[in-house]
Amino acid sequence: MTDSKADWREWAFAERQGVPDSSQAVVAHLRAFLHGRGVRRVLAYRALPGEPDVAALATGFELFTTRTRYRPERHLTLHPWDTATEVSKFGYLQPPADAPQVELSEVDAVLLPGLAFDRHGVRLGYGGGFYDRLLAEYEGLKVGVVWSALLVTDLPTEAHDCPVAWLATEQGVQATR
């Protein structure tokens, strides 16, 4: 594979087409992992087609989700999970613009979706840099969520990339290298 993120994204989209949905297994592993660390408040994501769906964690945790903002700069804001009622331009459910906001510092753990992750915790996202900007200063628990088929040895990385310390798949939760 090349060092081109675009090539890796093309590979990941094609690869995940054949991955069976094992979201229940991912959620079971995450539930045990998060409870074992005393986590109560979790920033999760609303799954796009092909991503592990973590919505079942709403039973047992206080979940939050993001809204994509474009002004004054491109960024994410955090909101209660159940406020996500409108479809974003990317196709996932997000809260409306006037939904109550929550500060990232109030969250115990962040679950990050990705097209792929590598064993060092580097995330291959969709290319907008939204999560990298959000998590640049976050020192809490960061968990990448991905199918095991999309867990690779090395991905290209840039200085602004924010790696995760843990990876959750249908096979379990493991620390990154």
C-alpha atoms as a PDB file:
ATOM      1  CA  MET A   1       0.000   0.000   0.000  1.00  0.00           C
ATOM      2  CA  THR A   2       1.141   3.576  -0.604  1.00  0.00           C
ATOM      3  CA  ASP A   3       1.521   6.452   1.840  1.00  0.00           C
ATOM      4  CA  SER A   4      -1.498   8.121   0.254  1.00  0.00           C
ATOM      5  CA  LYS A   5      -4.438   8.477   2.627  1.00  0.00           C
ATOM      6  CA  ALA A   6      -6.701   8.609  -0.434  1.00  0.00           C
ATOM      7  CA  ASP A   7      -5.477   5.145  -1.503  1.00  0.00           C
ATOM      8  CA  TRP A   8      -6.012   3.821   2.013  1.00  0.00           C
ATOM      9  CA  ARG A   9      -9.533   5.277   2.097  1.00  0.00           C
ATOM     10  CA  GLU A  10     -10.345   3.598  -1.216  1.00  0.00           C
ATOM     11  CA  TRP A  11      -9.043   0.293   0.162  1.00  0.00           C
ATOM     12  CA  ALA A  12     -10.984   0.659   3.437  1.00  0.00           C
ATOM     13  CA  PHE A  13     -14.304   1.457   1.743  1.00  0.00           C
ATOM     14  CA  ALA A  14     -13.912  -1.604  -0.495  1.00  0.00           C
ATOM     15  CA  GLU A  15     -12.746  -3.853   2.357  1.00  0.00           C
ATOM     16  CA  ARG A  16     -15.583  -3.050   4.714  1.00  0.00           C
ATOM     17  CA  GLN A  17     -18.183  -3.932   2.056  1.00  0.00           C
ATOM     18  CA  GLY A  18     -17.569  -7.599   2.813  1.00  0.00           C
ATOM     19  CA  VAL A  19     -17.421  -7.326   6.615  1.00  0.00           C
ATOM     20  CA  PRO A  20     -20.411  -8.850   8.430  1.00  0.00           C
ATOM     21  CA  ASP A  21     -22.086  -6.594  11.010  1.00  0.00           C
ATOM     22  CA  SER A  22     -20.838  -7.725  14.418  1.00  0.00           C
ATOM     23  CA  SER A  23     -21.919  -4.599  16.286  1.00  0.00           C
ATOM     24  CA  GLN A  24     -23.371  -6.632  19.178  1.00  0.00           C
ATOM     25  CA  ALA A  25     -19.959  -8.181  19.849  1.00  0.00           C
ATOM     26  CA  VAL A  26     -18.223  -4.794  19.652  1.00  0.00           C
ATOM     27  CA  VAL A  27     -20.737  -3.310  22.099  1.00  0.00           C
ATOM     28  CA  ALA A  28     -20.354  -6.238  24.519  1.00  0.00           C
ATOM     29  CA  HIS A  29     -16.573  -5.779  24.599  1.00  0.00           C
ATOM     30  CA  LEU A  30     -16.874  -2.006  24.951  1.00  0.00           C
ATOM     31  CA  ARG A  31     -19.461  -2.324  27.728  1.00  0.00           C
ATOM     32  CA  ALA A  32     -17.154  -4.539  29.816  1.00  0.00           C
ATOM     33  CA  PHE A  33     -14.093  -2.389  29.078  1.00  0.00           C
ATOM     34  CA  LEU A  34     -15.778   0.924  29.920  1.00  0.00           C
ATOM     35  CA  HIS A  35     -17.470  -0.392  33.078  1.00  0.00           C
ATOM     36  CA  GLY A  36     -14.123  -1.827  34.195  1.00  0.00           C
ATOM     37  CA  ARG A  37     -12.637   1.673  34.065  1.00  0.00           C
ATOM     38  CA  GLY A  38     -15.486   3.370  35.889  1.00  0.00           C
ATOM     39  CA  VAL A  39     -16.645   5.252  32.797  1.00  0.00           C
ATOM     40  CA  ARG A  40     -20.118   6.797  32.982  1.00  0.00           C
ATOM     41  CA  ARG A  41     -20.231   9.581  30.353  1.00  0.00           C
ATOM     42  CA  VAL A  42     -19.232   8.640  26.802  1.00  0.00           C
ATOM     43  CA  LEU A  43     -18.891  10.651  23.608  1.00  0.00           C
ATOM     44  CA  ALA A  44     -20.019   8.178  20.961  1.00  0.00           C
ATOM     45  CA  TYR A  45     -20.786   8.484  17.270  1.00  0.00           C
ATOM     46  CA  ARG A  46     -23.888   7.867  15.217  1.00  0.00           C
ATOM     47  CA  ALA A  47     -22.821   5.094  12.848  1.00  0.00           C
ATOM     48  CA  LEU A  48     -22.669   5.464   9.114  1.00  0.00           C
ATOM     49  CA  PRO A  49     -23.334   2.403   6.931  1.00  0.00           C
ATOM     50  CA  GLY A  50     -20.411   0.006   7.292  1.00  0.00           C
ATOM     51  CA  GLU A  51     -19.352   1.221  10.762  1.00  0.00           C
ATOM     52  CA  PRO A  52     -19.843  -0.673  14.034  1.00  0.00           C
ATOM     53  CA  ASP A  53     -23.027   0.680  15.625  1.00  0.00           C
ATOM     54  CA  VAL A  54     -22.468   1.554  19.302  1.00  0.00           C
ATOM     55  CA  ALA A  55     -25.972   2.947  19.979  1.00  0.00           C
ATOM     56  CA  ALA A  56     -26.812   0.029  22.312  1.00  0.00           C
ATOM     57  CA  LEU A  57     -24.375   1.558  24.830  1.00  0.00           C
ATOM     58  CA  ALA A  58     -27.118   4.103  25.591  1.00  0.00           C
ATOM     59  CA  THR A  59     -28.334   1.467  28.035  1.00  0.00           C
ATOM     60  CA  GLY A  60     -25.846   1.645  30.869  1.00  0.00           C
ATOM     61  CA  PHE A  61     -23.981   4.851  29.965  1.00  0.00           C
ATOM     62  CA  GLU A  62     -24.812   8.504  29.498  1.00  0.00           C
ATOM     63  CA  LEU A  63     -24.035   9.011  25.821  1.00  0.00           C
ATOM     64  CA  PHE A  64     -23.270  12.179  23.907  1.00  0.00           C
ATOM     65  CA  THR A  65     -22.810  12.723  20.198  1.00  0.00           C
ATOM     66  CA  THR A  66     -21.478  15.405  17.904  1.00  0.00           C
ATOM     67  CA  ARG A  67     -22.786  18.044  15.560  1.00  0.00           C
ATOM     68  CA  THR A  68     -20.629  19.185  12.652  1.00  0.00           C
ATOM     69  CA  ARG A  69     -20.197  22.969  12.518  1.00  0.00           C
ATOM     70  CA  TYR A  70     -18.641  24.994   9.696  1.00  0.00           C
ATOM     71  CA  ARG A  71     -18.603  28.537  11.088  1.00  0.00           C
ATOM     72  CA  PRO A  72     -16.591  30.312  12.308  1.00  0.00           C
ATOM     73  CA  GLU A  73     -14.316  27.304  11.623  1.00  0.00           C
ATOM     74  CA  ARG A  74     -14.875  23.603  10.983  1.00  0.00           C
ATOM     75  CA  HIS A  75     -15.411  21.890  14.346  1.00  0.00           C
ATOM     76  CA  LEU A  76     -17.580  19.506  16.335  1.00  0.00           C
ATOM     77  CA  THR A  77     -19.817  20.357  19.279  1.00  0.00           C
ATOM     78  CA  LEU A  78     -21.081  17.830  21.850  1.00  0.00           C
ATOM     79  CA  HIS A  79     -24.727  17.229  22.716  1.00  0.00           C
ATOM     80  CA  PRO A  80     -26.905  14.697  24.566  1.00  0.00           C
ATOM     81  CA  TRP A  81     -27.315  11.484  22.547  1.00  0.00           C
ATOM     82  CA  ASP A  82     -31.077  11.616  22.236  1.00  0.00           C
ATOM     83  CA  THR A  83     -31.050  15.095  20.681  1.00  0.00           C
ATOM     84  CA  ALA A  84     -29.685  13.673  17.404  1.00  0.00           C
ATOM     85  CA  THR A  85     -32.755  14.050  15.204  1.00  0.00           C
ATOM     86  CA  GLU A  86     -31.582  15.521  11.905  1.00  0.00           C
ATOM     87  CA  VAL A  87     -29.499  14.014   9.121  1.00  0.00           C
ATOM     88  CA  SER A  88     -26.116  15.659   8.554  1.00  0.00           C
ATOM     89  CA  LYS A  89     -24.694  16.278   5.090  1.00  0.00           C
ATOM     90  CA  PHE A  90     -22.508  13.197   5.718  1.00  0.00           C
ATOM     91  CA  GLY A  91     -25.583  11.023   6.334  1.00  0.00           C
ATOM     92  CA  TYR A  92     -25.476  10.386  10.093  1.00  0.00           C
ATOM     93  CA  LEU A  93     -27.936  11.627  12.693  1.00  0.00           C
ATOM     94  CA  GLN A  94     -26.837  14.753  14.522  1.00  0.00           C
ATOM     95  CA  PRO A  95     -28.420  17.190  16.981  1.00  0.00           C
ATOM     96  CA  PRO A  96     -30.024  20.357  15.632  1.00  0.00           C
ATOM     97  CA  ALA A  97     -28.046  23.604  15.869  1.00  0.00           C
ATOM     98  CA  ASP A  98     -29.900  24.753  18.983  1.00  0.00           C
ATOM     99  CA  ALA A  99     -29.520  21.509  20.996  1.00  0.00           C
ATOM    100  CA  PRO A 100     -28.000  21.897  24.481  1.00  0.00           C
ATOM    101  CA  GLN A 101     -24.202  21.608  24.428  1.00  0.00           C
ATOM    102  CA  VAL A 102     -21.813  19.720  26.689  1.00  0.00           C
ATOM    103  CA  GLU A 103     -18.110  20.437  27.213  1.00  0.00           C
ATOM    104  CA  LEU A 104     -15.589  17.747  26.238  1.00  0.00           C
ATOM    105  CA  SER A 105     -14.112  17.991  29.745  1.00  0.00           C
ATOM    106  CA  GLU A 106     -17.377  16.505  31.098  1.00  0.00           C
ATOM    107  CA  VAL A 107     -16.840  13.263  29.149  1.00  0.00           C
ATOM    108  CA  ASP A 108     -15.016  10.238  30.623  1.00  0.00           C
ATOM    109  CA  ALA A 109     -14.290   8.491  27.320  1.00  0.00           C
ATOM    110  CA  VAL A 110     -14.470   9.115  23.576  1.00  0.00           C
ATOM    111  CA  LEU A 111     -15.348   6.415  21.028  1.00  0.00           C
ATOM    112  CA  LEU A 112     -14.001   7.233  17.587  1.00  0.00           C
ATOM    113  CA  PRO A 113     -15.191   5.722  14.331  1.00  0.00           C
ATOM    114  CA  GLY A 114     -12.709   5.244  11.537  1.00  0.00           C
ATOM    115  CA  LEU A 115     -12.354   3.754   8.102  1.00  0.00           C
ATOM    116  CA  ALA A 116      -9.303   1.936   9.487  1.00  0.00           C
ATOM    117  CA  PHE A 117      -6.885   2.092  12.425  1.00  0.00           C
ATOM    118  CA  ASP A 118      -3.353   0.868  12.763  1.00  0.00           C
ATOM    119  CA  ARG A 119      -1.787  -0.987  15.701  1.00  0.00           C
ATOM    120  CA  HIS A 120      -0.291   2.306  16.956  1.00  0.00           C
ATOM    121  CA  GLY A 121      -3.742   3.885  17.292  1.00  0.00           C
ATOM    122  CA  VAL A 122      -3.505   6.057  14.178  1.00  0.00           C
ATOM    123  CA  ARG A 123      -6.966   6.656  12.721  1.00  0.00           C
ATOM    124  CA  LEU A 124      -7.843   6.862   9.054  1.00  0.00           C
ATOM    125  CA  GLY A 125     -10.876   9.132   8.983  1.00  0.00           C
ATOM    126  CA  TYR A 126     -12.894  10.617   6.195  1.00  0.00           C
ATOM    127  CA  GLY A 127     -10.484  13.513   5.663  1.00  0.00           C
ATOM    128  CA  GLY A 128     -12.149  16.470   7.384  1.00  0.00           C
ATOM    129  CA  GLY A 129      -9.945  16.561  10.500  1.00  0.00           C
ATOM    130  CA  PHE A 130     -12.941  17.212  12.766  1.00  0.00           C
ATOM    131  CA  TYR A 131     -12.004  14.652  15.429  1.00  0.00           C
ATOM    132  CA  ASP A 132      -8.317  15.642  15.341  1.00  0.00           C
ATOM    133  CA  ARG A 133      -9.254  19.243  16.131  1.00  0.00           C
ATOM    134  CA  LEU A 134     -11.720  18.197  18.837  1.00  0.00           C
ATOM    135  CA  LEU A 135      -9.309  15.838  20.594  1.00  0.00           C
ATOM    136  CA  ALA A 136      -6.048  17.788  20.270  1.00  0.00           C
ATOM    137  CA  GLU A 137      -6.102  18.733  23.982  1.00  0.00           C
ATOM    138  CA  TYR A 138      -8.244  15.863  25.336  1.00  0.00           C
ATOM    139  CA  GLU A 139      -6.387  13.667  27.813  1.00  0.00           C
ATOM    140  CA  GLY A 140      -9.193  11.263  28.687  1.00  0.00           C
ATOM    141  CA  LEU A 141      -9.784   7.734  27.460  1.00  0.00           C
ATOM    142  CA  LYS A 142      -9.811   7.502  23.641  1.00  0.00           C
ATOM    143  CA  VAL A 143     -10.994   4.281  21.995  1.00  0.00           C
ATOM    144  CA  GLY A 144     -10.971   3.632  18.264  1.00  0.00           C
ATOM    145  CA  VAL A 145     -13.865   1.448  17.088  1.00  0.00           C
ATOM    146  CA  VAL A 146     -13.362  -0.566  13.908  1.00  0.00           C
ATOM    147  CA  TRP A 147     -13.876  -4.016  12.409  1.00  0.00           C
ATOM    148  CA  SER A 148     -10.843  -6.273  12.899  1.00  0.00           C
ATOM    149  CA  ALA A 149     -10.524  -6.599   9.090  1.00  0.00           C
ATOM    150  CA  LEU A 150      -9.726  -2.859   8.998  1.00  0.00           C
ATOM    151  CA  LEU A 151      -7.017  -2.998  11.646  1.00  0.00           C
ATOM    152  CA  VAL A 152      -3.665  -2.711   9.844  1.00  0.00           C
ATOM    153  CA  THR A 153       0.017  -2.611  10.789  1.00  0.00           C
ATOM    154  CA  ASP A 154       0.784   0.986   9.759  1.00  0.00           C
ATOM    155  CA  LEU A 155      -1.123   3.910   8.288  1.00  0.00           C
ATOM    156  CA  PRO A 156       0.320   7.174   6.995  1.00  0.00           C
ATOM    157  CA  THR A 157       0.321   9.784   9.751  1.00  0.00           C
ATOM    158  CA  GLU A 158       0.572  13.549   9.965  1.00  0.00           C
ATOM    159  CA  ALA A 159       1.553  15.830  12.857  1.00  0.00           C
ATOM    160  CA  HIS A 160      -2.084  16.798  13.597  1.00  0.00           C
ATOM    161  CA  ASP A 161      -3.322  13.188  13.882  1.00  0.00           C
ATOM    162  CA  CYS A 162      -4.501  12.273  17.396  1.00  0.00           C
ATOM    163  CA  PRO A 163      -3.908   8.557  17.997  1.00  0.00           C
ATOM    164  CA  VAL A 164      -6.049   6.503  20.362  1.00  0.00           C
ATOM    165  CA  ALA A 165      -4.732   4.390  23.245  1.00  0.00           C
ATOM    166  CA  TRP A 166      -7.249   1.563  22.781  1.00  0.00           C
ATOM    167  CA  LEU A 167      -8.888  -0.246  19.875  1.00  0.00           C
ATOM    168  CA  ALA A 168     -12.255  -2.006  20.064  1.00  0.00           C
ATOM    169  CA  THR A 169     -13.272  -4.619  17.485  1.00  0.00           C
ATOM    170  CA  GLU A 170     -15.659  -7.551  17.414  1.00  0.00           C
ATOM    171  CA  GLN A 171     -12.740  -9.593  18.825  1.00  0.00           C
ATOM    172  CA  GLY A 172     -12.184  -7.455  21.925  1.00  0.00           C
ATOM    173  CA  VAL A 173     -10.525  -4.290  23.231  1.00  0.00           C
ATOM    174  CA  GLN A 174      -6.735  -4.021  23.085  1.00  0.00           C
ATOM    175  CA  ALA A 175      -4.126  -1.412  23.929  1.00  0.00           C
ATOM    176  CA  THR A 176      -2.263   0.158  21.037  1.00  0.00           C
ATOM    177  CA  ARG A 177       1.505  -0.201  20.676  1.00  0.00           C
END
